[in-house]
Amino acid sequence: MPEVIFNGPEGRLEGRYQFGKQPNAPIALLLHPHPEHGGTMNNKIVYALFQAFTRRGFAALRFNFRGVGRSQGSFDRGEGELSDAAAALDWLQATNPNAPACWVGGFSFGAWISMQLLMRRPEIDGFISIAPPANSYDFSFLAPCPSSGLIVQGDRDDVVPPESVAKLVNKLSNQRGISIDHRLVPGANHYFHGRMEQLVGHIDNYLDTALEPKVAEAAH
């Protein structure tokens, strides 16, 4: 899995990139949790998302936000990190100019950033949000939410109350033309300790269903 360095708004950003299985592979960008709470691109949930997409032939990129690992710059309360994510998507698209589909995914803080990116980039076809911090960050920008996606959380999340995520899902689900698949993992906390297998099962199940029609179309 090649290490990549690309230019971000505040200097170089460090990432890990997996080439797609086909020349015109779909692309996926995966975003890590809060930099000030130990979040990096090597977080186990981000890595699980990354693998879920690469197993399906996607060209996938995960990277460190500014100030994390070997990425230059310093934490910028989300504004700078959104710019970093946009630069990462630019790099991914430039590397895969004929990608037929584009997905984003993120965990916790990374889920918040990925949802903002979704609003700014109409080419994003779908998303996976793991434990989005609906209690501590404003998600009102999702008006309307432009794409369907999956939101997964543990029912014993000790950082984000499940009620706050259910409220967000309810708001998004009232919009026309999109569907939000909301799943709770029994007994799982915010970090899915001891419940990674169930989390990965939900991600795999959702992607298999969501991607099936497009895979079938591509075959014709």
N, C-alpha and C. Protein backbone atom coordinates (compact mmCIF):
# COMPACT_ATOMS: atom_id res chain seq x y z
N MET A 1 0.84 -1.18 0.00
CA MET A 1 0.00 0.00 0.00
C MET A 1 0.88 1.24 0.00
N PRO A 2 0.97 1.92 -1.15
CA PRO A 2 1.94 3.02 -1.26
C PRO A 2 1.63 4.18 -0.33
N GLU A 3 2.72 4.70 0.23
CA GLU A 3 2.61 5.95 0.99
C GLU A 3 2.61 7.08 -0.04
N VAL A 4 1.75 8.07 0.14
CA VAL A 4 1.73 9.20 -0.79
C VAL A 4 1.85 10.50 -0.01
N ILE A 5 2.45 11.49 -0.64
CA ILE A 5 2.53 12.84 -0.09
C ILE A 5 1.93 13.75 -1.16
N PHE A 6 0.96 14.57 -0.78
CA PHE A 6 0.38 15.50 -1.75
C PHE A 6 0.23 16.87 -1.10
N ASN A 7 0.01 17.87 -1.92
CA ASN A 7 -0.05 19.24 -1.41
C ASN A 7 -1.42 19.55 -0.83
N GLY A 8 -1.40 20.08 0.39
CA GLY A 8 -2.62 20.58 1.01
C GLY A 8 -2.54 22.08 1.15
N PRO A 9 -3.57 22.72 1.69
CA PRO A 9 -3.60 24.18 1.82
C PRO A 9 -2.50 24.73 2.74
N GLU A 10 -2.04 23.90 3.71
CA GLU A 10 -1.03 24.37 4.68
C GLU A 10 0.29 23.62 4.56
N GLY A 11 0.52 23.03 3.39
CA GLY A 11 1.75 22.26 3.20
C GLY A 11 1.45 20.82 2.84
N ARG A 12 2.45 19.97 2.99
CA ARG A 12 2.30 18.58 2.55
C ARG A 12 1.37 17.78 3.48
N LEU A 13 0.62 16.88 2.87
CA LEU A 13 -0.23 15.96 3.62
C LEU A 13 0.21 14.53 3.32
N GLU A 14 0.20 13.71 4.36
CA GLU A 14 0.68 12.33 4.26
C GLU A 14 -0.51 11.39 4.16
N GLY A 15 -0.45 10.45 3.23
CA GLY A 15 -1.56 9.51 3.08
C GLY A 15 -1.11 8.10 2.75
N ARG A 16 -2.07 7.21 2.72
CA ARG A 16 -1.87 5.84 2.23
C ARG A 16 -2.90 5.63 1.13
N TYR A 17 -2.42 5.12 0.01
CA TYR A 17 -3.27 5.01 -1.17
C TYR A 17 -3.24 3.59 -1.72
N GLN A 18 -4.39 3.10 -2.09
CA GLN A 18 -4.47 1.78 -2.73
C GLN A 18 -5.04 1.96 -4.15
N PHE A 19 -4.27 1.51 -5.14
CA PHE A 19 -4.75 1.60 -6.52
C PHE A 19 -6.00 0.75 -6.70
N GLY A 20 -6.85 1.14 -7.64
CA GLY A 20 -8.05 0.36 -7.94
C GLY A 20 -7.68 -0.91 -8.70
N LYS A 21 -8.61 -1.87 -8.71
CA LYS A 21 -8.34 -3.14 -9.39
C LYS A 21 -8.46 -3.01 -10.91
N GLN A 22 -9.23 -2.02 -11.37
CA GLN A 22 -9.40 -1.78 -12.81
C GLN A 22 -8.89 -0.38 -13.13
N PRO A 23 -8.54 -0.11 -14.41
CA PRO A 23 -8.05 1.22 -14.77
C PRO A 23 -9.03 2.34 -14.42
N ASN A 24 -10.33 2.09 -14.64
CA ASN A 24 -11.33 3.12 -14.33
C ASN A 24 -12.11 2.74 -13.08
N ALA A 25 -11.39 2.58 -11.98
CA ALA A 25 -12.02 2.16 -10.72
C ALA A 25 -12.76 3.32 -10.07
N PRO A 26 -13.82 3.02 -9.30
CA PRO A 26 -14.44 4.06 -8.48
C PRO A 26 -13.48 4.49 -7.36
N ILE A 27 -13.73 5.63 -6.74
CA ILE A 27 -12.81 6.15 -5.71
C ILE A 27 -13.53 6.33 -4.37
N ALA A 28 -12.73 6.22 -3.30
CA ALA A 28 -13.26 6.45 -1.95
C ALA A 28 -12.22 7.19 -1.11
N LEU A 29 -12.69 8.18 -0.35
CA LEU A 29 -11.84 8.96 0.56
C LEU A 29 -12.32 8.71 1.98
N LEU A 30 -11.39 8.33 2.88
CA LEU A 30 -11.75 7.98 4.25
C LEU A 30 -11.07 8.92 5.24
N LEU A 31 -11.85 9.45 6.20
CA LEU A 31 -11.37 10.51 7.09
C LEU A 31 -11.33 10.07 8.56
N HIS A 32 -10.25 10.48 9.24
CA HIS A 32 -10.01 9.97 10.60
C HIS A 32 -10.62 10.85 11.70
N PRO A 33 -10.69 10.32 12.93
CA PRO A 33 -11.29 11.06 14.04
C PRO A 33 -10.41 12.22 14.53
N HIS A 34 -10.86 12.86 15.59
CA HIS A 34 -10.32 14.14 16.05
C HIS A 34 -8.81 14.12 16.29
N PRO A 35 -8.08 15.02 15.59
CA PRO A 35 -6.62 15.05 15.73
C PRO A 35 -6.13 15.31 17.16
N GLU A 36 -6.90 16.06 17.94
CA GLU A 36 -6.45 16.38 19.30
C GLU A 36 -6.79 15.28 20.31
N HIS A 37 -7.51 14.26 19.84
CA HIS A 37 -7.84 13.13 20.71
C HIS A 37 -7.19 11.84 20.20
N GLY A 38 -6.07 12.01 19.50
CA GLY A 38 -5.32 10.83 19.05
C GLY A 38 -5.74 10.25 17.72
N GLY A 39 -6.60 10.96 16.99
CA GLY A 39 -7.07 10.44 15.71
C GLY A 39 -6.00 10.49 14.63
N THR A 40 -5.82 9.39 13.90
CA THR A 40 -4.90 9.34 12.76
C THR A 40 -5.52 8.47 11.67
N MET A 41 -4.86 8.48 10.50
CA MET A 41 -5.36 7.66 9.39
C MET A 41 -5.22 6.16 9.68
N ASN A 42 -4.45 5.81 10.71
CA ASN A 42 -4.28 4.40 11.06
C ASN A 42 -5.29 3.92 12.10
N ASN A 43 -6.24 4.77 12.45
CA ASN A 43 -7.32 4.37 13.34
C ASN A 43 -7.98 3.10 12.80
N LYS A 44 -8.31 2.16 13.68
CA LYS A 44 -8.79 0.85 13.22
C LYS A 44 -10.11 0.93 12.45
N ILE A 45 -10.96 1.88 12.80
CA ILE A 45 -12.25 2.01 12.11
C ILE A 45 -12.05 2.61 10.72
N VAL A 46 -11.16 3.59 10.62
CA VAL A 46 -10.83 4.18 9.31
C VAL A 46 -10.19 3.12 8.41
N TYR A 47 -9.31 2.31 9.00
CA TYR A 47 -8.66 1.25 8.23
C TYR A 47 -9.68 0.21 7.77
N ALA A 48 -10.66 -0.09 8.63
CA ALA A 48 -11.71 -1.05 8.25
C ALA A 48 -12.54 -0.51 7.08
N LEU A 49 -12.84 0.78 7.11
CA LEU A 49 -13.57 1.41 6.00
C LEU A 49 -12.74 1.34 4.72
N PHE A 50 -11.47 1.67 4.85
CA PHE A 50 -10.53 1.65 3.72
C PHE A 50 -10.52 0.26 3.08
N GLN A 51 -10.41 -0.75 3.91
CA GLN A 51 -10.36 -2.13 3.40
C GLN A 51 -11.67 -2.56 2.75
N ALA A 52 -12.78 -2.09 3.32
CA ALA A 52 -14.09 -2.45 2.76
C ALA A 52 -14.20 -1.96 1.32
N PHE A 53 -13.67 -0.77 1.06
CA PHE A 53 -13.72 -0.24 -0.32
C PHE A 53 -12.68 -0.90 -1.22
N THR A 54 -11.46 -1.10 -0.72
CA THR A 54 -10.43 -1.69 -1.60
C THR A 54 -10.78 -3.14 -1.97
N ARG A 55 -11.45 -3.84 -1.05
CA ARG A 55 -11.88 -5.21 -1.37
C ARG A 55 -12.84 -5.23 -2.55
N ARG A 56 -13.54 -4.13 -2.75
CA ARG A 56 -14.51 -4.04 -3.85
C ARG A 56 -13.92 -3.37 -5.08
N GLY A 57 -12.60 -3.26 -5.10
CA GLY A 57 -11.94 -2.75 -6.30
C GLY A 57 -11.76 -1.25 -6.37
N PHE A 58 -12.19 -0.54 -5.34
CA PHE A 58 -12.04 0.92 -5.34
C PHE A 58 -10.58 1.34 -5.25
N ALA A 59 -10.27 2.50 -5.83
CA ALA A 59 -9.03 3.20 -5.50
C ALA A 59 -9.35 4.02 -4.25
N ALA A 60 -8.62 3.80 -3.16
CA ALA A 60 -9.00 4.43 -1.89
C ALA A 60 -7.82 5.18 -1.28
N LEU A 61 -8.16 6.28 -0.61
CA LEU A 61 -7.15 7.11 0.05
C LEU A 61 -7.59 7.42 1.47
N ARG A 62 -6.66 7.20 2.41
CA ARG A 62 -6.85 7.73 3.75
C ARG A 62 -5.62 8.59 4.03
N PHE A 63 -5.77 9.64 4.82
CA PHE A 63 -4.64 10.54 5.01
C PHE A 63 -4.72 11.19 6.39
N ASN A 64 -3.61 11.77 6.81
CA ASN A 64 -3.57 12.50 8.08
C ASN A 64 -3.90 13.97 7.86
N PHE A 65 -4.87 14.45 8.64
CA PHE A 65 -5.15 15.89 8.62
C PHE A 65 -3.91 16.68 9.04
N ARG A 66 -3.90 17.97 8.74
CA ARG A 66 -2.79 18.85 9.10
C ARG A 66 -2.37 18.68 10.56
N GLY A 67 -1.06 18.64 10.77
CA GLY A 67 -0.53 18.54 12.13
C GLY A 67 -0.52 17.14 12.71
N VAL A 68 -0.98 16.15 11.94
CA VAL A 68 -0.99 14.76 12.41
C VAL A 68 0.06 13.97 11.64
N GLY A 69 0.84 13.16 12.35
CA GLY A 69 1.88 12.37 11.68
C GLY A 69 2.85 13.29 10.96
N ARG A 70 3.06 13.02 9.67
CA ARG A 70 3.98 13.84 8.89
C ARG A 70 3.27 14.90 8.06
N SER A 71 2.00 15.11 8.32
CA SER A 71 1.27 16.17 7.63
C SER A 71 1.60 17.52 8.25
N GLN A 72 1.86 18.51 7.41
CA GLN A 72 2.26 19.82 7.91
C GLN A 72 1.04 20.65 8.34
N GLY A 73 1.32 21.70 9.13
CA GLY A 73 0.26 22.58 9.60
C GLY A 73 -0.14 22.25 11.03
N SER A 74 -1.21 22.88 11.50
CA SER A 74 -1.69 22.61 12.86
C SER A 74 -3.22 22.61 12.87
N PHE A 75 -3.78 21.98 13.89
CA PHE A 75 -5.23 21.79 14.00
C PHE A 75 -5.98 23.12 13.82
N ASP A 76 -7.08 23.06 13.07
CA ASP A 76 -7.80 24.29 12.72
C ASP A 76 -9.31 24.17 12.97
N ARG A 77 -9.71 23.45 14.01
CA ARG A 77 -11.10 23.40 14.48
C ARG A 77 -12.11 22.93 13.43
N GLY A 78 -11.63 22.29 12.40
CA GLY A 78 -12.55 21.75 11.39
C GLY A 78 -12.52 22.49 10.07
N GLU A 79 -12.33 23.81 10.10
CA GLU A 79 -12.32 24.57 8.84
C GLU A 79 -11.15 24.15 7.96
N GLY A 80 -9.95 24.13 8.55
CA GLY A 80 -8.76 23.72 7.80
C GLY A 80 -8.81 22.26 7.40
N GLU A 81 -9.38 21.44 8.28
CA GLU A 81 -9.46 20.01 8.00
C GLU A 81 -10.39 19.74 6.81
N LEU A 82 -11.46 20.54 6.69
CA LEU A 82 -12.34 20.42 5.52
C LEU A 82 -11.57 20.78 4.25
N SER A 83 -10.74 21.81 4.33
CA SER A 83 -9.89 22.18 3.17
C SER A 83 -8.91 21.06 2.84
N ASP A 84 -8.36 20.41 3.88
CA ASP A 84 -7.46 19.27 3.66
C ASP A 84 -8.20 18.15 2.92
N ALA A 85 -9.43 17.86 3.37
CA ALA A 85 -10.21 16.79 2.75
C ALA A 85 -10.52 17.11 1.29
N ALA A 86 -10.80 18.40 1.00
CA ALA A 86 -11.07 18.81 -0.38
C ALA A 86 -9.81 18.63 -1.24
N ALA A 87 -8.65 18.97 -0.67
CA ALA A 87 -7.38 18.79 -1.40
C ALA A 87 -7.11 17.31 -1.65
N ALA A 88 -7.44 16.47 -0.66
CA ALA A 88 -7.25 15.02 -0.80
C ALA A 88 -8.15 14.47 -1.90
N LEU A 89 -9.40 14.95 -1.95
CA LEU A 89 -10.31 14.50 -2.99
C LEU A 89 -9.83 14.98 -4.36
N ASP A 90 -9.31 16.20 -4.43
CA ASP A 90 -8.74 16.71 -5.69
C ASP A 90 -7.62 15.78 -6.18
N TRP A 91 -6.74 15.38 -5.25
CA TRP A 91 -5.62 14.52 -5.60
C TRP A 91 -6.13 13.16 -6.10
N LEU A 92 -7.11 12.63 -5.38
CA LEU A 92 -7.68 11.32 -5.72
C LEU A 92 -8.34 11.36 -7.10
N GLN A 93 -9.04 12.46 -7.38
CA GLN A 93 -9.70 12.59 -8.68
C GLN A 93 -8.68 12.80 -9.81
N ALA A 94 -7.62 13.56 -9.52
CA ALA A 94 -6.59 13.78 -10.55
C ALA A 94 -5.86 12.47 -10.87
N THR A 95 -5.72 11.61 -9.85
CA THR A 95 -5.06 10.31 -10.04
C THR A 95 -5.98 9.32 -10.75
N ASN A 96 -7.28 9.53 -10.63
CA ASN A 96 -8.29 8.64 -11.23
C ASN A 96 -9.30 9.46 -12.01
N PRO A 97 -8.88 10.09 -13.12
CA PRO A 97 -9.76 11.04 -13.81
C PRO A 97 -11.03 10.43 -14.40
N ASN A 98 -11.04 9.12 -14.61
CA ASN A 98 -12.23 8.49 -15.21
C ASN A 98 -13.04 7.67 -14.22
N ALA A 99 -12.87 7.96 -12.93
CA ALA A 99 -13.61 7.20 -11.90
C ALA A 99 -15.12 7.34 -12.12
N PRO A 100 -15.84 6.21 -12.19
CA PRO A 100 -17.28 6.27 -12.45
C PRO A 100 -18.11 6.60 -11.22
N ALA A 101 -17.50 6.53 -10.03
CA ALA A 101 -18.25 6.81 -8.80
C ALA A 101 -17.29 7.30 -7.73
N CYS A 102 -17.84 8.06 -6.78
CA CYS A 102 -17.02 8.65 -5.71
C CYS A 102 -17.77 8.52 -4.38
N TRP A 103 -17.09 7.96 -3.38
CA TRP A 103 -17.68 7.79 -2.05
C TRP A 103 -16.78 8.44 -0.99
N VAL A 104 -17.41 8.85 0.12
CA VAL A 104 -16.64 9.32 1.27
C VAL A 104 -17.09 8.54 2.51
N GLY A 105 -16.15 8.43 3.45
CA GLY A 105 -16.48 7.78 4.71
C GLY A 105 -15.66 8.41 5.82
N GLY A 106 -16.16 8.34 7.03
CA GLY A 106 -15.40 8.90 8.14
C GLY A 106 -15.93 8.40 9.46
N PHE A 107 -15.09 8.51 10.47
CA PHE A 107 -15.44 8.10 11.82
C PHE A 107 -15.38 9.31 12.75
N SER A 108 -16.44 9.54 13.51
CA SER A 108 -16.53 10.59 14.53
C SER A 108 -16.27 11.97 13.90
N PHE A 109 -15.24 12.68 14.33
CA PHE A 109 -14.89 13.98 13.72
C PHE A 109 -14.75 13.85 12.20
N GLY A 110 -14.16 12.75 11.75
CA GLY A 110 -14.00 12.50 10.32
C GLY A 110 -15.34 12.35 9.61
N ALA A 111 -16.35 11.84 10.32
CA ALA A 111 -17.69 11.73 9.74
C ALA A 111 -18.29 13.12 9.54
N TRP A 112 -18.05 14.01 10.50
CA TRP A 112 -18.54 15.40 10.39
C TRP A 112 -17.91 16.11 9.19
N ILE A 113 -16.58 15.95 9.05
CA ILE A 113 -15.88 16.58 7.92
C ILE A 113 -16.37 15.97 6.60
N SER A 114 -16.55 14.66 6.57
CA SER A 114 -16.96 14.00 5.32
C SER A 114 -18.35 14.46 4.89
N MET A 115 -19.24 14.70 5.85
CA MET A 115 -20.59 15.16 5.52
C MET A 115 -20.56 16.59 4.97
N GLN A 116 -19.63 17.41 5.47
CA GLN A 116 -19.49 18.76 4.92
C GLN A 116 -18.95 18.71 3.49
N LEU A 117 -18.01 17.80 3.27
CA LEU A 117 -17.44 17.64 1.93
C LEU A 117 -18.54 17.20 0.95
N LEU A 118 -19.39 16.32 1.44
CA LEU A 118 -20.53 15.82 0.65
C LEU A 118 -21.40 16.98 0.15
N MET A 119 -21.59 17.99 1.01
CA MET A 119 -22.42 19.13 0.63
C MET A 119 -21.75 20.00 -0.43
N ARG A 120 -20.43 20.02 -0.42
CA ARG A 120 -19.69 20.91 -1.33
C ARG A 120 -19.35 20.27 -2.66
N ARG A 121 -19.37 18.97 -2.70
CA ARG A 121 -18.90 18.27 -3.91
C ARG A 121 -20.02 17.39 -4.47
N PRO A 122 -20.75 17.90 -5.45
CA PRO A 122 -21.91 17.17 -5.98
C PRO A 122 -21.56 15.83 -6.63
N GLU A 123 -20.25 15.64 -6.94
CA GLU A 123 -19.88 14.37 -7.58
C GLU A 123 -19.84 13.20 -6.61
N ILE A 124 -19.98 13.45 -5.31
CA ILE A 124 -19.96 12.34 -4.33
C ILE A 124 -21.29 11.59 -4.38
N ASP A 125 -21.20 10.27 -4.60
CA ASP A 125 -22.40 9.45 -4.81
C ASP A 125 -22.97 8.83 -3.54
N GLY A 126 -22.13 8.65 -2.54
CA GLY A 126 -22.62 7.98 -1.33
C GLY A 126 -21.66 8.18 -0.18
N PHE A 127 -22.13 7.87 1.03
CA PHE A 127 -21.29 8.08 2.21
C PHE A 127 -21.51 7.00 3.25
N ILE A 128 -20.49 6.82 4.09
CA ILE A 128 -20.62 5.98 5.29
C ILE A 128 -20.13 6.79 6.47
N SER A 129 -21.02 7.04 7.41
CA SER A 129 -20.68 7.82 8.60
C SER A 129 -20.72 6.92 9.83
N ILE A 130 -19.59 6.80 10.50
CA ILE A 130 -19.53 5.98 11.71
C ILE A 130 -19.53 6.91 12.92
N ALA A 131 -20.53 6.75 13.78
CA ALA A 131 -20.66 7.54 15.02
C ALA A 131 -20.47 9.04 14.80
N PRO A 132 -21.29 9.65 13.90
CA PRO A 132 -21.15 11.09 13.67
C PRO A 132 -21.47 11.87 14.95
N PRO A 133 -20.64 12.85 15.32
CA PRO A 133 -20.80 13.55 16.61
C PRO A 133 -21.91 14.59 16.58
N ALA A 134 -23.15 14.11 16.45
CA ALA A 134 -24.30 15.01 16.28
C ALA A 134 -24.61 15.83 17.53
N ASN A 135 -24.04 15.43 18.66
CA ASN A 135 -24.28 16.18 19.91
C ASN A 135 -23.35 17.37 20.06
N SER A 136 -22.15 17.30 19.46
CA SER A 136 -21.15 18.35 19.71
C SER A 136 -20.82 19.19 18.49
N TYR A 137 -21.28 18.78 17.31
CA TYR A 137 -21.04 19.56 16.10
C TYR A 137 -22.36 19.82 15.39
N ASP A 138 -22.41 20.93 14.68
CA ASP A 138 -23.62 21.34 13.98
C ASP A 138 -23.71 20.62 12.63
N PHE A 139 -24.79 19.87 12.44
CA PHE A 139 -25.00 19.18 11.16
C PHE A 139 -26.13 19.83 10.36
N SER A 140 -26.53 21.04 10.74
CA SER A 140 -27.67 21.68 10.07
C SER A 140 -27.37 22.05 8.61
N PHE A 141 -26.07 22.00 8.24
CA PHE A 141 -25.71 22.28 6.85
C PHE A 141 -26.28 21.25 5.88
N LEU A 142 -26.70 20.09 6.40
CA LEU A 142 -27.26 19.02 5.55
C LEU A 142 -28.71 19.36 5.20
N ALA A 143 -28.88 20.40 4.41
CA ALA A 143 -30.22 20.85 4.08
C ALA A 143 -30.29 21.27 2.62
N PRO A 144 -30.69 20.40 1.71
CA PRO A 144 -30.94 18.98 1.97
C PRO A 144 -29.66 18.15 1.83
N CYS A 145 -29.69 16.95 2.37
CA CYS A 145 -28.57 16.02 2.22
C CYS A 145 -28.58 15.51 0.77
N PRO A 146 -27.47 15.65 0.05
CA PRO A 146 -27.50 15.36 -1.39
C PRO A 146 -27.38 13.89 -1.78
N SER A 147 -26.99 13.01 -0.87
CA SER A 147 -26.76 11.61 -1.25
C SER A 147 -27.30 10.66 -0.19
N SER A 148 -27.60 9.46 -0.62
CA SER A 148 -27.96 8.40 0.32
C SER A 148 -26.70 7.88 1.00
N GLY A 149 -26.88 7.24 2.15
CA GLY A 149 -25.72 6.71 2.84
C GLY A 149 -26.07 5.87 4.05
N LEU A 150 -25.02 5.40 4.70
CA LEU A 150 -25.14 4.55 5.89
C LEU A 150 -24.61 5.30 7.11
N ILE A 151 -25.37 5.26 8.20
CA ILE A 151 -24.91 5.80 9.48
C ILE A 151 -24.94 4.67 10.50
N VAL A 152 -23.79 4.36 11.09
CA VAL A 152 -23.70 3.27 12.07
C VAL A 152 -23.21 3.83 13.40
N GLN A 153 -23.79 3.34 14.48
CA GLN A 153 -23.38 3.76 15.81
C GLN A 153 -23.57 2.61 16.80
N GLY A 154 -22.80 2.64 17.88
CA GLY A 154 -23.02 1.68 18.94
C GLY A 154 -24.17 2.13 19.83
N ASP A 155 -24.98 1.19 20.32
CA ASP A 155 -26.10 1.61 21.17
C ASP A 155 -25.63 1.96 22.59
N ARG A 156 -24.33 1.72 22.86
CA ARG A 156 -23.77 2.15 24.15
C ARG A 156 -22.67 3.19 23.94
N ASP A 157 -22.83 4.00 22.91
CA ASP A 157 -21.86 5.05 22.62
C ASP A 157 -21.75 5.99 23.83
N ASP A 158 -20.54 6.08 24.38
CA ASP A 158 -20.31 6.87 25.59
C ASP A 158 -19.82 8.28 25.28
N VAL A 159 -19.71 8.62 24.00
CA VAL A 159 -19.25 9.96 23.59
C VAL A 159 -20.38 10.72 22.89
N VAL A 160 -21.09 10.03 22.02
CA VAL A 160 -22.20 10.64 21.28
C VAL A 160 -23.49 9.91 21.66
N PRO A 161 -24.43 10.58 22.34
CA PRO A 161 -25.68 9.90 22.72
C PRO A 161 -26.43 9.41 21.48
N PRO A 162 -26.82 8.13 21.46
CA PRO A 162 -27.54 7.60 20.29
C PRO A 162 -28.78 8.43 19.91
N GLU A 163 -29.41 9.10 20.91
CA GLU A 163 -30.61 9.91 20.61
C GLU A 163 -30.27 11.06 19.66
N SER A 164 -29.06 11.63 19.83
CA SER A 164 -28.70 12.78 18.99
C SER A 164 -28.51 12.34 17.54
N VAL A 165 -27.98 11.14 17.35
CA VAL A 165 -27.80 10.62 15.99
C VAL A 165 -29.16 10.23 15.40
N ALA A 166 -30.02 9.63 16.22
CA ALA A 166 -31.36 9.26 15.75
C ALA A 166 -32.14 10.49 15.28
N LYS A 167 -31.95 11.60 15.99
CA LYS A 167 -32.60 12.86 15.62
C LYS A 167 -32.10 13.35 14.25
N LEU A 168 -30.79 13.25 14.07
CA LEU A 168 -30.19 13.65 12.79
C LEU A 168 -30.71 12.77 11.66
N VAL A 169 -30.73 11.46 11.90
CA VAL A 169 -31.21 10.51 10.88
C VAL A 169 -32.66 10.81 10.52
N ASN A 170 -33.45 11.10 11.54
CA ASN A 170 -34.87 11.39 11.33
C ASN A 170 -35.05 12.61 10.44
N LYS A 171 -34.24 13.63 10.71
CA LYS A 171 -34.30 14.87 9.92
C LYS A 171 -33.92 14.59 8.46
N LEU A 172 -32.83 13.82 8.27
CA LEU A 172 -32.37 13.52 6.91
C LEU A 172 -33.34 12.61 6.17
N SER A 173 -33.97 11.72 6.91
CA SER A 173 -34.85 10.73 6.27
C SER A 173 -36.14 11.35 5.75
N ASN A 174 -36.45 12.57 6.21
CA ASN A 174 -37.66 13.24 5.72
C ASN A 174 -37.45 13.89 4.36
N GLN A 175 -36.22 13.86 3.86
CA GLN A 175 -35.94 14.48 2.57
C GLN A 175 -36.27 13.51 1.43
N ARG A 176 -36.71 14.08 0.35
CA ARG A 176 -37.08 13.24 -0.79
C ARG A 176 -35.87 12.76 -1.58
N GLY A 177 -36.00 11.58 -2.15
CA GLY A 177 -35.00 11.14 -3.12
C GLY A 177 -33.74 10.51 -2.55
N ILE A 178 -33.60 10.50 -1.24
CA ILE A 178 -32.44 9.83 -0.65
C ILE A 178 -32.91 8.88 0.45
N SER A 179 -32.10 7.90 0.77
CA SER A 179 -32.43 7.04 1.90
C SER A 179 -31.23 6.91 2.81
N ILE A 180 -31.49 7.04 4.09
CA ILE A 180 -30.44 6.92 5.10
C ILE A 180 -30.65 5.59 5.81
N ASP A 181 -29.67 4.73 5.72
CA ASP A 181 -29.72 3.43 6.41
C ASP A 181 -29.03 3.61 7.76
N HIS A 182 -29.82 3.56 8.82
CA HIS A 182 -29.31 3.81 10.18
C HIS A 182 -29.25 2.49 10.94
N ARG A 183 -28.07 2.12 11.41
CA ARG A 183 -27.91 0.83 12.11
C ARG A 183 -27.22 1.03 13.45
N LEU A 184 -27.71 0.32 14.44
CA LEU A 184 -27.11 0.34 15.79
C LEU A 184 -26.45 -1.00 16.06
N VAL A 185 -25.24 -0.95 16.60
CA VAL A 185 -24.53 -2.18 16.95
C VAL A 185 -24.73 -2.41 18.45
N PRO A 186 -25.43 -3.49 18.83
CA PRO A 186 -25.71 -3.74 20.23
C PRO A 186 -24.44 -3.90 21.06
N GLY A 187 -24.40 -3.23 22.20
CA GLY A 187 -23.29 -3.38 23.14
C GLY A 187 -22.03 -2.63 22.77
N ALA A 188 -22.06 -1.89 21.64
CA ALA A 188 -20.83 -1.21 21.19
C ALA A 188 -20.74 0.20 21.76
N ASN A 189 -19.52 0.57 22.18
CA ASN A 189 -19.30 1.95 22.61
C ASN A 189 -18.86 2.80 21.41
N HIS A 190 -18.38 4.01 21.68
CA HIS A 190 -18.02 4.93 20.59
C HIS A 190 -16.92 4.34 19.69
N TYR A 191 -16.02 3.56 20.30
CA TYR A 191 -14.86 3.04 19.56
C TYR A 191 -15.05 1.60 19.09
N PHE A 192 -16.23 1.04 19.34
CA PHE A 192 -16.58 -0.31 18.91
C PHE A 192 -15.61 -1.37 19.46
N HIS A 193 -15.13 -1.14 20.70
CA HIS A 193 -14.25 -2.13 21.34
C HIS A 193 -14.98 -3.47 21.42
N GLY A 194 -14.35 -4.50 20.90
CA GLY A 194 -14.94 -5.83 20.95
C GLY A 194 -16.12 -6.03 20.01
N ARG A 195 -16.42 -5.02 19.17
CA ARG A 195 -17.58 -5.12 18.26
C ARG A 195 -17.19 -4.78 16.82
N MET A 196 -15.88 -4.85 16.52
CA MET A 196 -15.43 -4.49 15.17
C MET A 196 -16.01 -5.42 14.10
N GLU A 197 -16.12 -6.68 14.46
CA GLU A 197 -16.64 -7.66 13.49
C GLU A 197 -18.06 -7.30 13.04
N GLN A 198 -18.89 -6.90 14.03
CA GLN A 198 -20.27 -6.51 13.70
C GLN A 198 -20.29 -5.24 12.87
N LEU A 199 -19.41 -4.28 13.23
CA LEU A 199 -19.34 -3.03 12.46
C LEU A 199 -18.98 -3.31 11.00
N VAL A 200 -17.94 -4.10 10.81
CA VAL A 200 -17.49 -4.44 9.45
C VAL A 200 -18.60 -5.17 8.69
N GLY A 201 -19.33 -6.02 9.39
CA GLY A 201 -20.46 -6.74 8.77
C GLY A 201 -21.50 -5.79 8.22
N HIS A 202 -21.82 -4.73 8.98
CA HIS A 202 -22.80 -3.74 8.52
C HIS A 202 -22.27 -2.97 7.31
N ILE A 203 -21.00 -2.59 7.36
CA ILE A 203 -20.40 -1.84 6.25
C ILE A 203 -20.44 -2.70 4.98
N ASP A 204 -19.99 -3.96 5.11
CA ASP A 204 -19.97 -4.87 3.96
C ASP A 204 -21.37 -5.08 3.39
N ASN A 205 -22.32 -5.32 4.29
CA ASN A 205 -23.69 -5.58 3.87
C ASN A 205 -24.26 -4.37 3.11
N TYR A 206 -24.01 -3.18 3.65
CA TYR A 206 -24.53 -1.97 3.01
C TYR A 206 -23.90 -1.76 1.63
N LEU A 207 -22.58 -1.88 1.55
CA LEU A 207 -21.90 -1.64 0.27
C LEU A 207 -22.33 -2.66 -0.78
N ASP A 208 -22.47 -3.91 -0.37
CA ASP A 208 -22.90 -4.94 -1.33
C ASP A 208 -24.26 -4.58 -1.93
N THR A 209 -25.15 -4.05 -1.10
CA THR A 209 -26.49 -3.67 -1.57
C THR A 209 -26.44 -2.39 -2.39
N ALA A 210 -25.72 -1.39 -1.89
CA ALA A 210 -25.70 -0.07 -2.54
C ALA A 210 -24.97 -0.10 -3.88
N LEU A 211 -23.95 -0.94 -3.99
CA LEU A 211 -23.13 -0.95 -5.21
C LEU A 211 -23.64 -1.93 -6.26
N GLU A 212 -24.48 -2.86 -5.84
CA GLU A 212 -24.92 -3.92 -6.75
C GLU A 212 -25.52 -3.41 -8.07
N PRO A 213 -26.47 -2.46 -8.01
CA PRO A 213 -27.08 -2.01 -9.28
C PRO A 213 -26.04 -1.40 -10.21
N LYS A 214 -25.10 -0.62 -9.65
CA LYS A 214 -24.10 0.04 -10.50
C LYS A 214 -23.13 -0.98 -11.09
N VAL A 215 -22.80 -1.99 -10.31
CA VAL A 215 -21.91 -3.05 -10.82
C VAL A 215 -22.60 -3.77 -11.97
N ALA A 216 -23.89 -4.02 -11.79
CA ALA A 216 -24.66 -4.71 -12.84
C ALA A 216 -24.74 -3.86 -14.12
N GLU A 217 -24.92 -2.54 -13.94
CA GLU A 217 -24.98 -1.63 -15.09
C GLU A 217 -23.65 -1.64 -15.85
N ALA A 218 -22.55 -1.61 -15.08
CA ALA A 218 -21.22 -1.55 -15.69
C ALA A 218 -20.94 -2.81 -16.51
N ALA A 219 -21.56 -3.92 -16.12
CA ALA A 219 -21.32 -5.20 -16.80
C ALA A 219 -22.01 -5.24 -18.18
N HIS A 220 -23.02 -4.38 -18.38
CA HIS A 220 -23.78 -4.42 -19.65
C HIS A 220 -23.14 -3.52 -20.70
